[in-house]
C-alpha cells in the first residue's frame, strides 16, 4: 500500500501544480509582461528547489521521511490562494518561491520513497512506472486547462480539489525503516564523489525540460495560437515524457545507463535543430515539444534509477536531493538564460540555446558506464 499511496498522492498534487504554472505564465504573457520577467518566474521555482535540497537529508533525519513528505504537500494550496486573491506580481513571485521550497522537499522525499520501497529485482520498472505517471501529470495538468481555461477561478478550483485529494491519499502512510548506521552527515555530497556523471546528466535534463516548458507557450502565443492551445503545447511535453518512461525503466534493467542517456540527449538535439531551421512550419513546434519532453524526463529517470540501485535510507534521500539539486540548477538557469537570449535573438535564440545544451550533454556524458557499486539493502514493500 505504500507505493499505491505515494503514486496516488503524487499524481493528484503534481497534476494540480502543473495546472498552476501554465496559468501563471499565460496570465503574465497576456498582461504584456517582458520575456525576462516570465523567465524569472520560471527560474524562481527551481531556485527555491535547489536552495532547499541540500538540507533534505538532515530534515529527513530530524523529522522522518513520512512526516516531511506529508507536511510539504500543503504548500501548493498557498499558490492557489494567492492567484485567486491578488493580481500583484510580487505576491505571485513570493508564492512561487514558497512552493519551490516545499516542493523541493516533497520531490526528494517522493523519489526516495519510491526507490526505497521498490524491490531490487524490479526497481527500474517501478521507477519507470512512477516517472510514467509523472509524465501523465505533465499531460493532464495542462490539458485540463483546455477545459477550464486559464482565466477566472475555474482552473484554481480544480487545482485546489486535486491538491486536497493528494493529501487525503496519504492517510495511513507508513514510515520506511532506516538501515543500520544510517546518518545524514555527508549524504548530500556522496553522489558528487561517487557518480558525478549523474549530476551532470540531471543538470542537463533540467535545462532541457524547464526551458521549453516556460517558453514554448510564449512561442505559441507569438505564432498566433490561443491561450488554450499554448497550454496544450505544454501537455505535449508531458506526452513525450509519458511515452518513454516505462520503456526506459525496462531497458535500464538490461543496458548501460550512459548509452541510454546519450540517446535521450540526441533526441533533445534533434528537437532543437528542427525548431532552429524549420520554425516557419507550425507542426515543428509540436514535434519539438514531444522530443524535448521525452529527452528531459528520460534523462532524469535514468539518473534516478542508478541512484536507487546504489543507496538506501538517509543516504538515498541525500543522493536523491543531490540529483534534484543538479536538475533544479539546470531548470532555474534555462528559462532565465533563455529570456535574456531572446531579447537579442527573439526568433532563433531559444532553439540555439537548447542546441548548445544538447551538444554539451553529448560531450560530458561518457559512452560507457562506471564500475557498479555494491547494491544497497532493499526496503520492504507493503
Foldseek 3Di string as FASTA:
>chain_A
DQLVLLLLLCLLQLLLVLLLLLLVLVVCVVVVHALLLLLQLLLLLLVLLLVQLLCLLVVCVVPNLLVLLLVLLPLVLCLLVQVQPDPDSVSNSVSSNSNSNSVNNNQLSSLQSQLQADFPVQSLLSLLVSQLSSLQSQQNNLLVCLVQPSDDNSSSVSSVVSSVSSSVSSVPNDGFDADPPDDQPCLQVPCCVPPVLLLLLLLLLLLLLQQCLSCLLVLCVVVPDDSSVSSNLSSLLSVLSNVCRNVLSVVLSPDFLLQQLLVLLVLLLVLLVLCQPPVVDVCSSSSSSSSSSNSSSSSLSSSSSLLSFADHGSSSSSHSSNSSSSSSNSSSCNSNVQSVQCVVVVRRRNSVVSNVSSVVSNVSRDNGDDDRDDGDDHIHHD
